[in-house]
Amino acid sequence: MTSTLTKILTLIIASTISVMLFAPAAYGVTTDDLLPRPGEKGSSSYSVKNTEKYEELGEVANLPEVTDRALMTTVIKTILGWAMLLTIAGIIVASIYYLTSRGKEEDVTKAKDIIIYLVVGMAIMAAAYGIVSGIAQFEFF
């Protein structure tokens, strides 16, 4: 059971680190870099607001602008959501462990402790999710 929890914790940490490492690469991309420019080789004078030439690209100007704060909020909420799902899976596994303990006091105590720790972890994650959601609504600057 310990090795499974270690693997799950390692997966969560590795996912968090990879998001932190590769998320900054997305900051350098603008919508101008994503637009097709048929017939305009090497020209950087085309902008999202100038859509007379290509009317179908006018909808790109209506896309919401993604800020750094919104990106980080989304990343943190996603990580917390996945952690909640893994915690629920852990509770299911610990419950099965409890049911299959066949009355052995050591196994029953271990299963109960695991369930208690997972419920406390869920409460902490729910609080963190609420804090992130609350802070994301404020305009600091």
N, C-alpha and C. Protein backbone atom coordinates (compact mmCIF):
# COMPACT_ATOMS: atom_id res chain seq x y z
N MET A 1 0.82 -1.19 0.00
CA MET A 1 0.00 0.00 0.00
C MET A 1 0.87 1.25 0.00
N THR A 2 1.99 1.20 0.73
CA THR A 2 2.87 2.35 0.80
C THR A 2 3.49 2.66 -0.56
N SER A 3 3.85 1.60 -1.30
CA SER A 3 4.45 1.84 -2.61
C SER A 3 3.44 2.46 -3.57
N THR A 4 2.18 2.09 -3.45
CA THR A 4 1.14 2.68 -4.31
C THR A 4 0.97 4.16 -3.98
N LEU A 5 0.92 4.48 -2.71
CA LEU A 5 0.79 5.89 -2.32
C LEU A 5 2.02 6.68 -2.75
N THR A 6 3.20 6.06 -2.66
CA THR A 6 4.42 6.72 -3.10
C THR A 6 4.37 6.99 -4.60
N LYS A 7 3.87 6.03 -5.37
CA LYS A 7 3.76 6.21 -6.82
C LYS A 7 2.77 7.33 -7.16
N ILE A 8 1.64 7.37 -6.45
CA ILE A 8 0.63 8.41 -6.69
C ILE A 8 1.20 9.78 -6.34
N LEU A 9 1.89 9.88 -5.21
CA LEU A 9 2.49 11.14 -4.80
C LEU A 9 3.57 11.58 -5.80
N THR A 10 4.37 10.63 -6.28
CA THR A 10 5.39 10.95 -7.27
C THR A 10 4.76 11.45 -8.56
N LEU A 11 3.65 10.83 -8.97
CA LEU A 11 2.94 11.26 -10.18
C LEU A 11 2.41 12.68 -10.02
N ILE A 12 1.84 12.99 -8.88
CA ILE A 12 1.31 14.34 -8.63
C ILE A 12 2.43 15.37 -8.65
N ILE A 13 3.55 15.05 -7.99
CA ILE A 13 4.67 15.99 -7.95
C ILE A 13 5.27 16.17 -9.34
N ALA A 14 5.43 15.07 -10.09
CA ALA A 14 5.99 15.18 -11.44
C ALA A 14 5.08 16.00 -12.35
N SER A 15 3.76 15.81 -12.22
CA SER A 15 2.82 16.59 -13.04
C SER A 15 2.90 18.07 -12.70
N THR A 16 2.98 18.38 -11.42
CA THR A 16 3.07 19.77 -11.00
C THR A 16 4.34 20.42 -11.52
N ILE A 17 5.45 19.72 -11.41
CA ILE A 17 6.73 20.27 -11.88
C ILE A 17 6.71 20.46 -13.39
N SER A 18 6.14 19.50 -14.13
CA SER A 18 6.12 19.64 -15.58
C SER A 18 5.24 20.82 -16.00
N VAL A 19 4.14 21.05 -15.31
CA VAL A 19 3.29 22.21 -15.62
C VAL A 19 4.04 23.50 -15.35
N MET A 20 4.77 23.54 -14.23
CA MET A 20 5.54 24.75 -13.90
C MET A 20 6.66 25.00 -14.89
N LEU A 21 7.24 23.93 -15.43
CA LEU A 21 8.35 24.11 -16.37
C LEU A 21 7.89 24.52 -17.75
N PHE A 22 6.79 23.92 -18.22
CA PHE A 22 6.39 24.14 -19.60
C PHE A 22 5.34 25.22 -19.78
N ALA A 23 4.68 25.68 -18.72
CA ALA A 23 3.68 26.74 -18.84
C ALA A 23 4.28 28.05 -19.32
N PRO A 24 5.48 28.46 -18.86
CA PRO A 24 6.02 29.74 -19.34
C PRO A 24 6.25 29.79 -20.85
N ALA A 25 6.41 28.65 -21.48
CA ALA A 25 6.61 28.65 -22.93
C ALA A 25 5.37 29.17 -23.66
N ALA A 26 4.21 29.03 -23.05
CA ALA A 26 2.97 29.49 -23.68
C ALA A 26 2.81 31.00 -23.60
N TYR A 27 3.54 31.66 -22.71
CA TYR A 27 3.40 33.09 -22.55
C TYR A 27 3.87 33.88 -23.77
N GLY A 28 4.84 33.38 -24.51
CA GLY A 28 5.40 34.10 -25.64
C GLY A 28 4.54 34.04 -26.89
N VAL A 29 3.47 33.28 -26.90
CA VAL A 29 2.63 33.12 -28.08
C VAL A 29 1.54 34.17 -28.06
N THR A 30 1.39 34.87 -29.18
CA THR A 30 0.30 35.83 -29.31
C THR A 30 -0.66 35.33 -30.37
N THR A 31 -1.84 35.93 -30.44
CA THR A 31 -2.80 35.50 -31.44
C THR A 31 -2.33 35.85 -32.84
N ASP A 32 -1.48 36.88 -32.97
CA ASP A 32 -0.95 37.21 -34.29
C ASP A 32 -0.08 36.08 -34.83
N ASP A 33 0.63 35.38 -33.95
CA ASP A 33 1.46 34.28 -34.39
C ASP A 33 0.64 33.07 -34.81
N LEU A 34 -0.59 32.98 -34.37
CA LEU A 34 -1.42 31.82 -34.65
C LEU A 34 -2.29 31.99 -35.90
N LEU A 35 -2.41 33.22 -36.40
CA LEU A 35 -3.27 33.48 -37.55
C LEU A 35 -2.61 33.04 -38.85
N PRO A 36 -3.38 32.43 -39.74
CA PRO A 36 -2.82 32.12 -41.06
C PRO A 36 -2.71 33.40 -41.88
N ARG A 37 -1.66 33.50 -42.65
CA ARG A 37 -1.45 34.69 -43.49
C ARG A 37 -1.24 34.25 -44.94
N PRO A 38 -2.32 33.86 -45.62
CA PRO A 38 -2.15 33.43 -47.01
C PRO A 38 -1.69 34.59 -47.89
N GLY A 39 -0.65 34.37 -48.65
CA GLY A 39 -0.15 35.38 -49.56
C GLY A 39 0.72 36.43 -48.90
N GLU A 40 0.94 36.36 -47.62
CA GLU A 40 1.76 37.34 -46.92
C GLU A 40 2.95 36.63 -46.29
N LYS A 41 3.96 36.35 -47.06
CA LYS A 41 5.13 35.65 -46.55
C LYS A 41 6.04 36.63 -45.83
N GLY A 42 6.32 36.32 -44.58
CA GLY A 42 7.26 37.13 -43.81
C GLY A 42 6.74 38.47 -43.36
N SER A 43 5.48 38.78 -43.62
CA SER A 43 4.95 40.07 -43.23
C SER A 43 4.37 39.99 -41.83
N SER A 44 4.78 40.89 -40.98
CA SER A 44 4.25 40.89 -39.62
C SER A 44 3.33 42.08 -39.40
N SER A 45 2.87 42.72 -40.49
CA SER A 45 2.01 43.89 -40.36
C SER A 45 0.55 43.52 -40.14
N TYR A 46 0.21 42.25 -40.31
CA TYR A 46 -1.18 41.83 -40.14
C TYR A 46 -1.50 41.73 -38.66
N SER A 47 -2.64 42.25 -38.23
CA SER A 47 -3.03 42.15 -36.83
C SER A 47 -4.46 41.61 -36.75
N VAL A 48 -4.85 41.25 -35.54
CA VAL A 48 -6.19 40.71 -35.33
C VAL A 48 -7.25 41.76 -35.63
N LYS A 49 -6.96 42.99 -35.34
CA LYS A 49 -7.94 44.05 -35.54
C LYS A 49 -8.13 44.40 -37.03
N ASN A 50 -7.13 44.11 -37.84
CA ASN A 50 -7.19 44.44 -39.26
C ASN A 50 -7.69 43.21 -40.02
N THR A 51 -9.01 43.08 -40.14
CA THR A 51 -9.59 41.87 -40.74
C THR A 51 -10.33 42.17 -42.05
N GLU A 52 -10.01 43.27 -42.71
CA GLU A 52 -10.71 43.56 -43.95
C GLU A 52 -10.37 42.53 -45.03
N LYS A 53 -9.12 42.08 -45.03
CA LYS A 53 -8.69 41.14 -46.06
C LYS A 53 -9.30 39.76 -45.86
N TYR A 54 -9.37 39.33 -44.62
CA TYR A 54 -9.84 37.98 -44.31
C TYR A 54 -10.97 38.08 -43.30
N GLU A 55 -12.21 38.19 -43.79
CA GLU A 55 -13.35 38.41 -42.91
C GLU A 55 -13.58 37.27 -41.94
N GLU A 56 -13.26 36.03 -42.35
CA GLU A 56 -13.50 34.89 -41.48
C GLU A 56 -12.60 34.91 -40.24
N LEU A 57 -11.54 35.70 -40.28
CA LEU A 57 -10.65 35.79 -39.13
C LEU A 57 -11.11 36.85 -38.14
N GLY A 58 -12.18 37.55 -38.44
CA GLY A 58 -12.68 38.58 -37.54
C GLY A 58 -13.14 38.03 -36.21
N GLU A 59 -13.55 36.77 -36.20
CA GLU A 59 -14.00 36.15 -34.95
C GLU A 59 -12.85 35.96 -33.96
N VAL A 60 -11.62 35.93 -34.45
CA VAL A 60 -10.47 35.78 -33.55
C VAL A 60 -10.37 36.97 -32.63
N ALA A 61 -10.77 38.14 -33.10
CA ALA A 61 -10.71 39.35 -32.27
C ALA A 61 -11.69 39.26 -31.10
N ASN A 62 -12.71 38.41 -31.20
CA ASN A 62 -13.70 38.28 -30.13
C ASN A 62 -13.30 37.27 -29.07
N LEU A 63 -12.18 36.58 -29.26
CA LEU A 63 -11.74 35.61 -28.27
C LEU A 63 -11.32 36.32 -26.98
N PRO A 64 -11.55 35.68 -25.85
CA PRO A 64 -11.15 36.33 -24.59
C PRO A 64 -9.63 36.36 -24.46
N GLU A 65 -9.14 37.39 -23.82
CA GLU A 65 -7.70 37.51 -23.61
C GLU A 65 -7.34 36.74 -22.34
N VAL A 66 -6.34 35.90 -22.44
CA VAL A 66 -5.92 35.08 -21.30
C VAL A 66 -4.75 35.77 -20.61
N THR A 67 -4.93 36.05 -19.32
CA THR A 67 -3.87 36.69 -18.55
C THR A 67 -3.08 35.64 -17.79
N ASP A 68 -1.95 36.07 -17.24
CA ASP A 68 -1.12 35.16 -16.46
C ASP A 68 -1.87 34.67 -15.23
N ARG A 69 -2.61 35.56 -14.61
CA ARG A 69 -3.35 35.19 -13.40
C ARG A 69 -4.44 34.17 -13.72
N ALA A 70 -5.14 34.36 -14.84
CA ALA A 70 -6.18 33.41 -15.23
C ALA A 70 -5.57 32.06 -15.57
N LEU A 71 -4.41 32.08 -16.21
CA LEU A 71 -3.74 30.83 -16.56
C LEU A 71 -3.33 30.07 -15.31
N MET A 72 -2.72 30.76 -14.36
CA MET A 72 -2.29 30.09 -13.13
C MET A 72 -3.49 29.61 -12.31
N THR A 73 -4.56 30.38 -12.30
CA THR A 73 -5.77 29.96 -11.59
C THR A 73 -6.32 28.68 -12.20
N THR A 74 -6.37 28.63 -13.52
CA THR A 74 -6.86 27.44 -14.20
C THR A 74 -5.97 26.25 -13.93
N VAL A 75 -4.66 26.44 -13.96
CA VAL A 75 -3.72 25.35 -13.71
C VAL A 75 -3.89 24.83 -12.28
N ILE A 76 -3.95 25.72 -11.32
CA ILE A 76 -4.08 25.30 -9.91
C ILE A 76 -5.41 24.59 -9.68
N LYS A 77 -6.50 25.12 -10.24
CA LYS A 77 -7.80 24.48 -10.09
C LYS A 77 -7.81 23.09 -10.74
N THR A 78 -7.15 22.96 -11.88
CA THR A 78 -7.08 21.66 -12.55
C THR A 78 -6.30 20.66 -11.72
N ILE A 79 -5.17 21.08 -11.18
CA ILE A 79 -4.36 20.19 -10.35
C ILE A 79 -5.15 19.77 -9.11
N LEU A 80 -5.82 20.72 -8.48
CA LEU A 80 -6.61 20.38 -7.30
C LEU A 80 -7.78 19.45 -7.64
N GLY A 81 -8.38 19.65 -8.79
CA GLY A 81 -9.47 18.77 -9.22
C GLY A 81 -8.99 17.34 -9.43
N TRP A 82 -7.84 17.20 -10.10
CA TRP A 82 -7.28 15.85 -10.30
C TRP A 82 -6.86 15.23 -8.97
N ALA A 83 -6.32 16.03 -8.08
CA ALA A 83 -5.94 15.52 -6.76
C ALA A 83 -7.17 15.03 -6.00
N MET A 84 -8.29 15.73 -6.14
CA MET A 84 -9.53 15.29 -5.50
C MET A 84 -9.98 13.94 -6.06
N LEU A 85 -9.89 13.79 -7.39
CA LEU A 85 -10.26 12.51 -7.99
C LEU A 85 -9.36 11.38 -7.50
N LEU A 86 -8.07 11.65 -7.39
CA LEU A 86 -7.15 10.63 -6.88
C LEU A 86 -7.44 10.32 -5.41
N THR A 87 -7.84 11.32 -4.66
CA THR A 87 -8.18 11.10 -3.26
C THR A 87 -9.43 10.23 -3.14
N ILE A 88 -10.41 10.49 -3.97
CA ILE A 88 -11.61 9.66 -3.97
C ILE A 88 -11.26 8.22 -4.34
N ALA A 89 -10.40 8.05 -5.33
CA ALA A 89 -9.94 6.70 -5.69
C ALA A 89 -9.21 6.05 -4.52
N GLY A 90 -8.41 6.83 -3.80
CA GLY A 90 -7.72 6.31 -2.62
C GLY A 90 -8.68 5.88 -1.54
N ILE A 91 -9.75 6.63 -1.36
CA ILE A 91 -10.77 6.25 -0.36
C ILE A 91 -11.44 4.94 -0.77
N ILE A 92 -11.70 4.78 -2.05
CA ILE A 92 -12.30 3.53 -2.52
C ILE A 92 -11.35 2.36 -2.27
N VAL A 93 -10.07 2.54 -2.58
CA VAL A 93 -9.09 1.49 -2.36
C VAL A 93 -8.96 1.17 -0.87
N ALA A 94 -8.92 2.21 -0.03
CA ALA A 94 -8.82 1.99 1.41
C ALA A 94 -10.08 1.31 1.95
N SER A 95 -11.22 1.62 1.39
CA SER A 95 -12.46 0.97 1.81
C SER A 95 -12.44 -0.51 1.45
N ILE A 96 -11.94 -0.83 0.27
CA ILE A 96 -11.80 -2.24 -0.12
C ILE A 96 -10.81 -2.94 0.80
N TYR A 97 -9.74 -2.26 1.14
CA TYR A 97 -8.75 -2.81 2.08
C TYR A 97 -9.40 -3.06 3.44
N TYR A 98 -10.26 -2.16 3.86
CA TYR A 98 -10.98 -2.30 5.13
C TYR A 98 -11.91 -3.51 5.09
N LEU A 99 -12.63 -3.64 3.97
CA LEU A 99 -13.58 -4.76 3.84
C LEU A 99 -12.88 -6.11 3.76
N THR A 100 -11.69 -6.14 3.18
CA THR A 100 -10.98 -7.41 3.03
C THR A 100 -10.03 -7.69 4.18
N SER A 101 -10.07 -6.89 5.23
CA SER A 101 -9.16 -7.10 6.36
C SER A 101 -9.59 -8.28 7.23
N ARG A 102 -10.82 -8.70 7.08
CA ARG A 102 -11.37 -9.87 7.79
C ARG A 102 -11.21 -9.78 9.31
N GLY A 103 -11.38 -8.59 9.84
CA GLY A 103 -11.38 -8.43 11.27
C GLY A 103 -10.02 -8.37 11.93
N LYS A 104 -8.95 -8.40 11.16
CA LYS A 104 -7.62 -8.27 11.75
C LYS A 104 -7.46 -6.83 12.24
N GLU A 105 -7.21 -6.68 13.53
CA GLU A 105 -7.16 -5.35 14.13
C GLU A 105 -6.11 -4.45 13.47
N GLU A 106 -4.96 -5.00 13.15
CA GLU A 106 -3.89 -4.19 12.54
C GLU A 106 -4.32 -3.64 11.18
N ASP A 107 -4.93 -4.50 10.35
CA ASP A 107 -5.38 -4.06 9.02
C ASP A 107 -6.56 -3.10 9.11
N VAL A 108 -7.47 -3.36 10.04
CA VAL A 108 -8.62 -2.47 10.22
C VAL A 108 -8.16 -1.08 10.64
N THR A 109 -7.22 -1.03 11.60
CA THR A 109 -6.69 0.25 12.07
C THR A 109 -5.96 0.98 10.94
N LYS A 110 -5.19 0.24 10.16
CA LYS A 110 -4.46 0.85 9.04
C LYS A 110 -5.43 1.44 8.02
N ALA A 111 -6.48 0.69 7.69
CA ALA A 111 -7.46 1.16 6.71
C ALA A 111 -8.20 2.40 7.23
N LYS A 112 -8.57 2.39 8.52
CA LYS A 112 -9.26 3.55 9.09
C LYS A 112 -8.36 4.78 9.09
N ASP A 113 -7.08 4.58 9.42
CA ASP A 113 -6.14 5.70 9.41
C ASP A 113 -5.99 6.28 8.00
N ILE A 114 -5.89 5.39 7.02
CA ILE A 114 -5.75 5.86 5.63
C ILE A 114 -6.99 6.67 5.23
N ILE A 115 -8.17 6.18 5.56
CA ILE A 115 -9.40 6.90 5.21
C ILE A 115 -9.45 8.24 5.91
N ILE A 116 -9.06 8.29 7.18
CA ILE A 116 -9.06 9.56 7.91
C ILE A 116 -8.09 10.55 7.28
N TYR A 117 -6.89 10.08 6.93
CA TYR A 117 -5.90 10.97 6.30
C TYR A 117 -6.39 11.48 4.95
N LEU A 118 -7.05 10.61 4.20
CA LEU A 118 -7.56 11.03 2.89
C LEU A 118 -8.69 12.05 3.03
N VAL A 119 -9.55 11.87 4.02
CA VAL A 119 -10.65 12.83 4.24
C VAL A 119 -10.08 14.18 4.68
N VAL A 120 -9.08 14.15 5.56
CA VAL A 120 -8.44 15.40 5.98
C VAL A 120 -7.77 16.08 4.77
N GLY A 121 -7.12 15.28 3.93
CA GLY A 121 -6.51 15.82 2.71
C GLY A 121 -7.53 16.44 1.79
N MET A 122 -8.70 15.80 1.67
CA MET A 122 -9.77 16.36 0.84
C MET A 122 -10.25 17.69 1.40
N ALA A 123 -10.35 17.78 2.71
CA ALA A 123 -10.78 19.04 3.33
C ALA A 123 -9.76 20.15 3.06
N ILE A 124 -8.48 19.82 3.14
CA ILE A 124 -7.44 20.80 2.86
C ILE A 124 -7.49 21.23 1.39
N MET A 125 -7.67 20.26 0.49
CA MET A 125 -7.76 20.60 -0.94
C MET A 125 -8.99 21.44 -1.25
N ALA A 126 -10.10 21.13 -0.60
CA ALA A 126 -11.32 21.93 -0.81
C ALA A 126 -11.10 23.37 -0.33
N ALA A 127 -10.42 23.51 0.80
CA ALA A 127 -10.12 24.85 1.30
C ALA A 127 -9.19 25.59 0.35
N ALA A 128 -8.17 24.88 -0.16
CA ALA A 128 -7.24 25.51 -1.11
C ALA A 128 -7.97 25.92 -2.39
N TYR A 129 -8.88 25.08 -2.86
CA TYR A 129 -9.66 25.40 -4.05
C TYR A 129 -10.50 26.65 -3.82
N GLY A 130 -11.13 26.72 -2.64
CA GLY A 130 -11.92 27.91 -2.31
C GLY A 130 -11.08 29.16 -2.20
N ILE A 131 -9.89 29.04 -1.62
CA ILE A 131 -9.00 30.20 -1.50
C ILE A 131 -8.55 30.68 -2.88
N VAL A 132 -8.16 29.73 -3.75
CA VAL A 132 -7.72 30.11 -5.10
C VAL A 132 -8.87 30.75 -5.86
N SER A 133 -10.07 30.19 -5.76
CA SER A 133 -11.22 30.77 -6.45
C SER A 133 -11.55 32.16 -5.92
N GLY A 134 -11.43 32.35 -4.61
CA GLY A 134 -11.71 33.66 -4.03
C GLY A 134 -10.70 34.70 -4.41
N ILE A 135 -9.43 34.33 -4.38
CA ILE A 135 -8.37 35.28 -4.74
C ILE A 135 -8.43 35.64 -6.21
N ALA A 136 -8.83 34.68 -7.06
CA ALA A 136 -8.89 34.94 -8.49
C ALA A 136 -9.91 36.00 -8.86
N GLN A 137 -10.88 36.23 -7.98
CA GLN A 137 -11.92 37.22 -8.28
C GLN A 137 -11.51 38.65 -7.97
N PHE A 138 -10.47 38.82 -7.16
CA PHE A 138 -10.04 40.16 -6.77
C PHE A 138 -9.11 40.76 -7.81
N GLU A 139 -9.18 42.07 -7.97
CA GLU A 139 -8.27 42.82 -8.83
C GLU A 139 -7.26 43.51 -7.93
N PHE A 140 -6.03 43.03 -7.92
CA PHE A 140 -5.01 43.61 -7.06
C PHE A 140 -4.28 44.78 -7.72
N PHE A 141 -4.10 44.71 -9.02
CA PHE A 141 -3.36 45.75 -9.72
C PHE A 141 -4.13 46.29 -10.87
